[in-house]
Amino acid sequence: MKPIRILIILNYLCIHFTATANEHVMIHIPFNIEIDPMERLLLVNFENDPDTLYVGFEPQVFDDRFNGQGHLVIGWRKDGRVDVYHEAGLKPDPAKYDIAGKGLANMIEREMVHAYFEIDDRGVQAHYQFLDIHDRMVHIRIAEKHPGKRKPFGLLAPMGAAAENPSAMPLVFLHDFYFVRRKHTDIEVSVNGHVHRVDKLPIPMDFRSMTFIRYSPEPLIATFNPAFTGTMPALELHKGSTRLKYKDQDILLEWEGGKAFIKQMLFNNDTHPVVVHFDRPFPVPDFLDKGFRQKGSFCIRAHPSTGRISGRYAVERNDGHISIVMIPDKGWKPRPNKLSLRFLYTVARMFKQWPKTYEWTAKIEKENEHFRMTSSWKRIK
C-alpha cells in the first residue's frame, strides 16, 4: 500500500474516531432509589398484650438536613395504620408513611420528655415519654445491662409485608441488627399507666432468651422506584461512555450496536451504597426500536450482611410507548451466620417471601424531545 493511501486512511480513522468520541447523546434512566437518612431504629412489640389502640412502638432518631434533628415514634395501631409522633426539631414527610402498614392515620408534633436512645456494649438504653392522640401518657423505658457480648447480624426488615397500596418498595436494610436480651434488662412499656408485656422471641439466639424488641444502630432506609408521573430527567453523556454520574448515582453502561444498556446503578449515601445490578443489561429507552422485546433479571443489595433481593424484568416497545415490568419474584436471600437465624428464616417465611408480592409497572411515552413516564406499584398474590 502506498504511503499516501495509508496517510489518507489514518486521517479518516482519526477524524471519524474524534467525531464519535465527541458526540453527545441524551439518555433517560427509568430507575431510582430514594434514601431516607436515619441514625438509629428501635422496634418494641406487645401484640400478645395489646393496648386498646396500639400493638407496638417504633422509636427513630434523625440528624440530617432532610428530616431535621430529634426523635420520632411510630405508633403501630391494631387497625394496621400508623400514628407518627415527632419532636419539633423534625419535619417528617407524611407521604413517606403510606408504605407503613395500611398507611398514615395521624402525624402529631409532641414534646418528648427526656427522649433518649443509645446503644452501648451492654445493649439498648432508651427512654420515651409523650402524650398520644387521646392525651394518654406513653412511657417506654429499656435499660439493658447484659455482661455478654452482642452478636449482631444483618437483616432486611419485612416492613413492606403489611402495605396494601404501596407507592414504592420499602427496603429497610438493618446492619448490626440485634434483639434485646431478657436477662439483665429492665423494661417498662405503658400506656395510660397500664403496663404491657413485650413480646418474646420464640426461639433462643446465641444460647440466650430474647425479647422481640429489636434494634439497629446503622439502619439504611431506601425506597425503590417511588411511583412517578412526569417528565424524566435527560442525562447527557459522550456516546460510548461506560460511566455516568448523576447526583448521588454512579451508572455503569455498556454499548452494543450504538445502543446503551444499563449494567449497574450504585446509589451513594452516608451508610452503605445501594446497588441495582442487571444480569442481562437493561436497554436504555432512548434507543429502542419498534417491536423490541427483552427479558432479564436484577438484584438489589447494600451491605453484604443484609443479603439481596432479586427478580425479573421485561421491557418492550410498542407502537407509541415503552412498557416495563419488574417483579422481585426471587424474594430476599439472607446471609445467616448462625444456626438460629437459619431456623428463624425457615419457620418465619415472611422474611424471605414478602418482596415476591410486589410488582412495578411503567409506561414511557416520547413527547417531542422528552420522555414522560407513569409508574406505580401493586401487591400481587
Protein backbone atom coordinates (compact mmCIF):
# COMPACT_ATOMS: atom_id res chain seq x y z
CA MET A 1 0.00 0.00 0.00
CA LYS A 2 1.39 3.37 -1.00
CA PRO A 3 2.35 5.79 1.83
CA ILE A 4 -0.09 8.46 0.63
CA ARG A 5 -3.03 5.97 0.74
CA ILE A 6 -2.04 4.90 4.26
CA LEU A 7 -1.93 8.53 5.32
CA ILE A 8 -5.43 9.16 3.94
CA ILE A 9 -6.85 6.12 5.77
CA LEU A 10 -5.20 7.12 9.03
CA ASN A 11 -6.55 10.66 8.71
CA TYR A 12 -10.06 9.30 8.06
CA LEU A 13 -9.91 7.00 11.08
CA CYS A 14 -8.63 9.81 13.27
CA ILE A 15 -11.38 12.20 12.15
CA HIS A 16 -14.08 9.51 12.50
CA PHE A 17 -12.88 8.47 15.96
CA THR A 18 -12.70 12.06 17.18
CA ALA A 19 -16.20 12.83 15.89
CA THR A 20 -17.62 9.72 17.53
CA ALA A 21 -15.83 10.37 20.85
CA ASN A 22 -17.08 13.95 20.93
CA GLU A 23 -20.68 13.09 20.01
CA HIS A 24 -23.06 13.81 22.85
CA VAL A 25 -26.31 11.94 23.39
CA MET A 26 -29.16 12.29 25.85
CA ILE A 27 -30.42 9.27 27.75
CA HIS A 28 -33.24 8.67 30.21
CA ILE A 29 -32.97 6.29 33.18
CA PRO A 30 -36.29 4.86 34.47
CA PHE A 31 -34.98 3.65 37.86
CA ASN A 32 -34.49 5.45 41.14
CA ILE A 33 -33.82 4.76 44.80
CA GLU A 34 -34.52 7.40 47.43
CA ILE A 35 -32.52 7.23 50.66
CA ASP A 36 -34.06 8.45 53.92
CA PRO A 37 -31.23 9.09 56.42
CA MET A 38 -31.72 7.67 59.92
CA GLU A 39 -29.35 7.38 62.87
CA ARG A 40 -30.93 4.61 64.96
CA LEU A 41 -34.02 2.41 64.96
CA LEU A 42 -35.84 0.54 67.75
CA LEU A 43 -38.94 -1.69 67.46
CA VAL A 44 -40.99 -2.57 70.55
CA ASN A 45 -43.87 -5.04 70.08
CA PHE A 46 -46.58 -6.08 72.56
CA GLU A 47 -49.07 -7.76 70.22
CA ASN A 48 -49.71 -10.53 72.74
CA ASP A 49 -50.71 -7.94 75.36
CA PRO A 50 -52.10 -5.09 73.24
CA ASP A 51 -53.36 -1.66 74.18
CA THR A 52 -56.86 -0.67 73.07
CA LEU A 53 -55.20 1.25 70.19
CA TYR A 54 -51.57 0.17 69.82
CA VAL A 55 -49.67 -3.09 69.42
CA GLY A 56 -46.19 -1.61 69.21
CA PHE A 57 -43.98 1.47 69.10
CA GLU A 58 -41.04 2.27 66.85
CA PRO A 59 -38.66 4.99 68.05
CA GLN A 60 -36.36 6.52 65.44
CA VAL A 61 -33.54 9.05 65.72
CA PHE A 62 -32.68 11.56 62.97
CA ASP A 63 -29.92 14.10 62.45
CA ASP A 64 -29.78 15.28 58.85
CA ARG A 65 -30.67 18.18 56.57
CA PHE A 66 -33.75 16.44 55.15
CA ASN A 67 -35.61 15.36 58.30
CA GLY A 68 -34.04 17.67 60.89
CA GLN A 69 -32.76 16.66 64.30
CA GLY A 70 -34.64 14.80 67.02
CA HIS A 71 -36.74 11.78 67.90
CA LEU A 72 -39.80 10.24 66.24
CA VAL A 73 -42.02 7.40 67.47
CA ILE A 74 -44.32 5.41 65.19
CA GLY A 75 -47.36 4.00 66.96
CA TRP A 76 -48.43 0.77 65.27
CA ARG A 77 -52.20 0.52 65.58
CA LYS A 78 -54.47 -2.51 65.86
CA ASP A 79 -56.22 -1.49 62.62
CA GLY A 80 -52.92 -1.72 60.72
CA ARG A 81 -52.41 2.02 60.28
CA VAL A 82 -49.78 4.14 62.00
CA ASP A 83 -49.67 7.29 64.11
CA VAL A 84 -46.43 9.28 63.90
CA TYR A 85 -45.30 11.35 66.90
CA HIS A 86 -42.31 13.64 66.44
CA GLU A 87 -40.38 16.35 68.21
CA ALA A 88 -40.47 19.95 67.00
CA GLY A 89 -36.97 19.65 65.52
CA LEU A 90 -38.19 17.16 62.91
CA LYS A 91 -40.15 17.83 59.74
CA PRO A 92 -41.20 14.35 58.54
CA ASP A 93 -42.89 13.97 55.16
CA PRO A 94 -46.35 12.36 55.60
CA ALA A 95 -46.16 10.86 52.10
CA LYS A 96 -43.35 8.55 53.20
CA TYR A 97 -45.58 6.74 55.66
CA ASP A 98 -48.11 5.33 53.21
CA ILE A 99 -45.79 2.32 52.85
CA ALA A 100 -46.01 1.60 56.60
CA GLY A 101 -48.76 -0.92 57.26
CA LYS A 102 -52.09 0.31 55.91
CA GLY A 103 -50.88 3.88 55.79
CA LEU A 104 -50.72 7.00 57.93
CA ALA A 105 -53.58 7.79 60.29
CA ASN A 106 -52.18 10.78 62.23
CA MET A 107 -48.97 12.79 62.35
CA ILE A 108 -48.59 14.86 65.51
CA GLU A 109 -45.85 17.05 66.94
CA ARG A 110 -45.27 16.20 70.59
CA GLU A 111 -42.91 17.16 73.35
CA MET A 112 -40.95 14.07 74.38
CA VAL A 113 -39.67 14.44 77.92
CA HIS A 114 -36.06 13.20 78.27
CA ALA A 115 -36.16 11.37 74.94
CA TYR A 116 -33.13 9.12 74.77
CA PHE A 117 -31.98 6.15 72.70
CA GLU A 118 -28.39 4.91 72.67
CA ILE A 119 -26.70 1.57 72.05
CA ASP A 120 -23.59 0.63 74.01
CA ASP A 121 -21.58 -2.53 74.66
CA ARG A 122 -24.21 -3.81 77.08
CA GLY A 123 -27.18 -3.22 74.76
CA VAL A 124 -30.04 -0.70 74.44
CA GLN A 125 -30.59 2.27 76.72
CA ALA A 126 -33.80 4.10 75.80
CA HIS A 127 -36.40 6.37 77.38
CA TYR A 128 -39.51 7.99 75.84
CA GLN A 129 -42.45 9.77 77.41
CA PHE A 130 -45.18 11.62 75.48
CA LEU A 131 -48.96 12.05 75.15
CA ASP A 132 -50.77 10.10 72.46
CA ILE A 133 -53.71 11.32 70.34
CA HIS A 134 -56.10 10.68 73.26
CA ASP A 135 -53.81 12.53 75.71
CA ARG A 136 -52.76 9.29 77.37
CA MET A 137 -49.23 9.11 78.69
CA VAL A 138 -46.98 6.70 76.76
CA HIS A 139 -43.88 5.58 78.63
CA ILE A 140 -41.10 3.44 77.15
CA ARG A 141 -38.01 2.57 79.15
CA ILE A 142 -35.36 -0.03 78.31
CA ALA A 143 -32.16 -0.47 80.32
CA GLU A 144 -30.12 -3.43 79.05
CA LYS A 145 -27.18 -4.29 81.29
CA HIS A 146 -26.12 -7.65 79.94
CA PRO A 147 -22.48 -8.63 80.60
CA GLY A 148 -22.30 -10.80 77.45
CA LYS A 149 -21.07 -9.51 74.11
CA ARG A 150 -23.62 -8.56 71.48
CA LYS A 151 -23.54 -10.76 68.37
CA PRO A 152 -25.42 -8.71 65.77
CA PHE A 153 -26.21 -9.65 62.17
CA GLY A 154 -27.71 -8.11 59.04
CA LEU A 155 -31.37 -8.17 58.02
CA LEU A 156 -33.86 -6.84 55.51
CA ALA A 157 -36.79 -5.79 57.69
CA PRO A 158 -40.15 -7.05 56.33
CA MET A 159 -41.64 -3.55 56.54
CA GLY A 160 -43.37 -3.91 53.20
CA ALA A 161 -45.21 -7.07 54.18
CA ALA A 162 -48.21 -5.21 55.58
CA ALA A 163 -48.53 -2.44 52.97
CA GLU A 164 -51.76 -2.73 50.97
CA ASN A 165 -51.33 0.11 48.47
CA PRO A 166 -47.60 0.88 48.37
CA SER A 167 -46.28 3.87 46.43
CA ALA A 168 -42.78 2.36 46.50
CA MET A 169 -41.00 -0.80 47.52
CA PRO A 170 -39.55 -0.22 51.01
CA LEU A 171 -36.03 -1.55 51.54
CA VAL A 172 -35.10 -1.32 55.20
CA PHE A 173 -31.57 -2.70 55.45
CA LEU A 174 -30.63 -3.20 59.10
CA HIS A 175 -26.90 -3.64 59.57
CA ASP A 176 -25.63 -4.53 63.07
CA PHE A 177 -29.15 -5.69 63.96
CA TYR A 178 -29.89 -7.49 67.25
CA PHE A 179 -32.56 -8.31 69.84
CA VAL A 180 -32.80 -7.02 73.41
CA ARG A 181 -31.91 -9.84 75.81
CA ARG A 182 -34.36 -10.83 78.53
CA LYS A 183 -31.89 -11.30 81.37
CA HIS A 184 -30.16 -8.29 82.94
CA THR A 185 -32.70 -5.95 81.31
CA ASP A 186 -35.25 -3.60 82.85
CA ILE A 187 -38.21 -2.93 80.55
CA GLU A 188 -41.31 -0.83 81.04
CA VAL A 189 -43.83 -0.13 78.30
CA SER A 190 -47.04 1.50 79.50
CA VAL A 191 -50.00 3.43 78.08
CA ASN A 192 -52.12 5.50 80.44
CA GLY A 193 -50.49 3.75 83.39
CA HIS A 194 -51.20 0.23 82.15
CA VAL A 195 -48.00 -1.80 81.79
CA HIS A 196 -47.83 -4.08 78.76
CA ARG A 197 -45.76 -7.25 78.48
CA VAL A 198 -43.45 -7.06 75.48
CA ASP A 199 -43.38 -9.97 73.04
CA LYS A 200 -40.72 -12.64 73.28
CA LEU A 201 -38.64 -14.16 70.52
CA PRO A 202 -39.96 -17.74 70.33
CA ILE A 203 -36.53 -19.31 69.90
CA PRO A 204 -33.25 -18.73 71.77
CA MET A 205 -30.46 -16.94 69.98
CA ASP A 206 -26.78 -17.24 70.84
CA PHE A 207 -27.94 -19.59 73.64
CA ARG A 208 -29.89 -16.76 75.29
CA SER A 209 -33.57 -15.93 75.71
CA MET A 210 -34.53 -12.82 73.78
CA THR A 211 -37.36 -10.34 73.75
CA PHE A 212 -38.83 -9.40 70.39
CA ILE A 213 -37.56 -5.86 70.92
CA ARG A 214 -35.05 -5.31 68.12
CA TYR A 215 -32.81 -2.51 67.02
CA SER A 216 -30.14 -1.28 64.64
CA PRO A 217 -27.54 1.47 65.18
CA GLU A 218 -26.98 1.58 61.43
CA PRO A 219 -30.27 1.43 59.52
CA LEU A 220 -30.46 2.19 55.82
CA ILE A 221 -33.97 3.20 54.75
CA ALA A 222 -34.43 3.14 50.99
CA THR A 223 -37.45 3.22 48.69
CA PHE A 224 -37.09 1.59 45.29
CA ASN A 225 -38.74 3.25 42.27
CA PRO A 226 -41.28 5.51 44.01
CA ALA A 227 -44.44 5.94 41.95
CA PHE A 228 -43.84 8.68 39.39
CA THR A 229 -45.82 10.65 36.83
CA GLY A 230 -43.98 13.29 34.86
CA THR A 231 -41.09 14.11 32.57
CA MET A 232 -37.99 12.02 33.08
CA PRO A 233 -34.70 13.88 33.58
CA ALA A 234 -32.47 13.83 30.50
CA LEU A 235 -28.84 12.91 31.17
CA GLU A 236 -26.10 13.98 28.77
CA LEU A 237 -23.01 11.90 28.08
CA HIS A 238 -20.42 11.16 25.41
CA LYS A 239 -21.63 8.40 23.10
CA GLY A 240 -19.74 5.25 24.02
CA SER A 241 -19.04 6.32 27.59
CA THR A 242 -19.39 3.44 30.05
CA ARG A 243 -19.74 5.50 33.23
CA LEU A 244 -22.16 8.27 34.08
CA LYS A 245 -22.51 10.20 37.33
CA TYR A 246 -25.85 11.81 38.18
CA LYS A 247 -26.47 13.34 41.60
CA ASP A 248 -25.52 10.57 44.08
CA GLN A 249 -25.69 7.86 41.42
CA ASP A 250 -22.90 6.08 39.58
CA ILE A 251 -24.30 4.40 36.47
CA LEU A 252 -22.35 1.71 34.63
CA LEU A 253 -23.25 1.31 30.95
CA GLU A 254 -22.27 -0.92 28.08
CA TRP A 255 -22.80 -0.34 24.37
CA GLU A 256 -23.85 -2.68 21.61
CA GLY A 257 -24.59 -1.65 18.05
CA GLY A 258 -24.54 2.00 19.04
CA LYS A 259 -27.15 1.45 21.76
CA ALA A 260 -26.66 1.89 25.51
CA PHE A 261 -27.58 -0.68 28.16
CA ILE A 262 -27.61 -0.24 31.96
CA LYS A 263 -25.39 -2.80 33.63
CA GLN A 264 -25.40 -1.44 37.17
CA MET A 265 -26.54 1.54 39.23
CA LEU A 266 -24.90 2.50 42.52
CA PHE A 267 -26.73 4.88 44.87
CA ASN A 268 -24.26 6.50 47.24
CA ASN A 269 -25.16 7.58 50.78
CA ASP A 270 -23.54 8.03 54.19
CA THR A 271 -24.35 4.49 55.38
CA HIS A 272 -23.78 1.86 52.67
CA PRO A 273 -24.12 2.18 48.88
CA VAL A 274 -27.21 0.51 47.42
CA VAL A 275 -26.52 -1.38 44.18
CA VAL A 276 -29.01 -2.35 41.49
CA HIS A 277 -27.42 -4.87 39.14
CA PHE A 278 -28.90 -6.20 35.89
CA ASP A 279 -27.82 -9.68 34.87
CA ARG A 280 -28.85 -9.00 31.29
CA PRO A 281 -28.09 -5.28 30.94
CA PHE A 282 -31.26 -3.18 30.75
CA PRO A 283 -31.80 -1.28 27.46
CA VAL A 284 -31.87 2.50 27.72
CA PRO A 285 -35.32 3.60 26.46
CA ASP A 286 -33.90 6.22 24.05
CA PHE A 287 -32.52 3.59 21.66
CA LEU A 288 -35.38 1.09 21.47
CA ASP A 289 -36.76 0.21 18.05
CA LYS A 290 -40.40 -0.56 17.39
CA GLY A 291 -41.21 -4.16 18.31
CA PHE A 292 -38.22 -4.51 20.65
CA ARG A 293 -38.64 -7.02 23.49
CA GLN A 294 -36.25 -8.16 26.18
CA LYS A 295 -36.34 -10.08 29.44
CA GLY A 296 -33.71 -10.27 32.14
CA SER A 297 -33.04 -10.37 35.85
CA PHE A 298 -31.95 -7.91 38.51
CA CYS A 299 -30.79 -7.86 42.10
CA ILE A 300 -30.58 -5.16 44.79
CA ARG A 301 -28.06 -5.23 47.60
CA ALA A 302 -26.47 -2.97 50.22
CA HIS A 303 -24.10 -4.15 52.99
CA PRO A 304 -23.18 -7.83 52.34
CA SER A 305 -24.58 -8.90 55.72
CA THR A 306 -28.10 -7.76 54.75
CA GLY A 307 -28.40 -10.14 51.81
CA ARG A 308 -30.01 -9.29 48.48
CA ILE A 309 -33.38 -9.03 46.72
CA SER A 310 -33.64 -10.41 43.20
CA GLY A 311 -36.21 -10.86 40.48
CA ARG A 312 -37.01 -10.45 36.81
CA TYR A 313 -37.85 -7.66 34.41
CA ALA A 314 -39.45 -7.36 30.97
CA VAL A 315 -39.35 -4.40 28.59
CA GLU A 316 -40.95 -3.89 25.20
CA ARG A 317 -41.51 -1.09 22.69
CA ASN A 318 -44.99 -0.96 21.19
CA ASP A 319 -46.43 1.44 18.64
CA GLY A 320 -46.38 4.56 20.76
CA HIS A 321 -44.88 3.66 24.12
CA ILE A 322 -42.43 1.55 26.12
CA SER A 323 -43.70 -0.83 28.82
CA ILE A 324 -41.60 -2.10 31.74
CA VAL A 325 -42.47 -4.69 34.39
CA MET A 326 -40.29 -5.59 37.37
CA ILE A 327 -41.13 -8.31 39.91
CA PRO A 328 -38.75 -9.32 42.75
CA ASP A 329 -40.04 -12.89 42.44
CA LYS A 330 -36.92 -14.50 43.91
CA GLY A 331 -37.58 -12.68 47.18
CA TRP A 332 -34.93 -11.87 49.73
CA LYS A 333 -31.91 -14.13 50.09
CA PRO A 334 -30.35 -13.60 53.54
CA ARG A 335 -26.83 -14.43 54.65
CA PRO A 336 -27.44 -16.13 58.01
CA ASN A 337 -24.27 -16.54 60.06
CA LYS A 338 -25.79 -18.67 62.82
CA LEU A 339 -28.00 -21.75 63.09
CA SER A 340 -30.76 -19.92 64.95
CA LEU A 341 -31.16 -17.50 62.05
CA ARG A 342 -31.45 -20.30 59.52
CA PHE A 343 -34.19 -21.79 61.65
CA LEU A 344 -35.93 -18.43 62.06
CA TYR A 345 -35.96 -17.71 58.32
CA THR A 346 -37.25 -21.22 57.61
CA VAL A 347 -40.10 -21.01 60.12
CA ALA A 348 -40.98 -17.34 59.55
CA ARG A 349 -41.15 -17.47 55.75
CA MET A 350 -42.45 -13.91 55.58
CA PHE A 351 -38.88 -12.61 55.95
CA LYS A 352 -37.88 -14.03 52.58
CA GLN A 353 -41.23 -14.12 50.78
CA TRP A 354 -42.75 -10.64 51.05
CA PRO A 355 -40.78 -8.99 48.17
CA LYS A 356 -42.28 -11.58 45.81
CA THR A 357 -45.68 -9.91 46.21
CA TYR A 358 -44.55 -6.58 44.74
CA GLU A 359 -44.87 -5.61 41.07
CA TRP A 360 -43.70 -2.37 39.43
CA THR A 361 -45.03 -1.27 36.08
CA ALA A 362 -44.07 1.75 33.99
CA LYS A 363 -45.27 3.26 30.74
CA ILE A 364 -42.93 5.63 28.88
CA GLU A 365 -44.04 7.86 26.00
CA LYS A 366 -41.98 10.29 23.97
CA GLU A 367 -43.23 13.88 23.81
CA ASN A 368 -41.13 15.88 21.33
CA GLU A 369 -37.59 15.55 22.72
CA HIS A 370 -38.73 14.49 26.18
CA PHE A 371 -39.83 11.21 27.72
CA ARG A 372 -42.81 11.06 30.03
CA MET A 373 -43.18 8.17 32.47
CA THR A 374 -46.12 6.93 34.54
CA SER A 375 -45.20 4.23 37.05
CA SER A 376 -46.82 2.52 40.03
CA TRP A 377 -46.65 -0.45 42.39
CA LYS A 378 -49.19 -3.07 43.33
CA ARG A 379 -49.28 -6.16 45.55
CA ILE A 380 -49.78 -9.47 43.78
CA LYS A 381 -50.59 -12.93 45.17
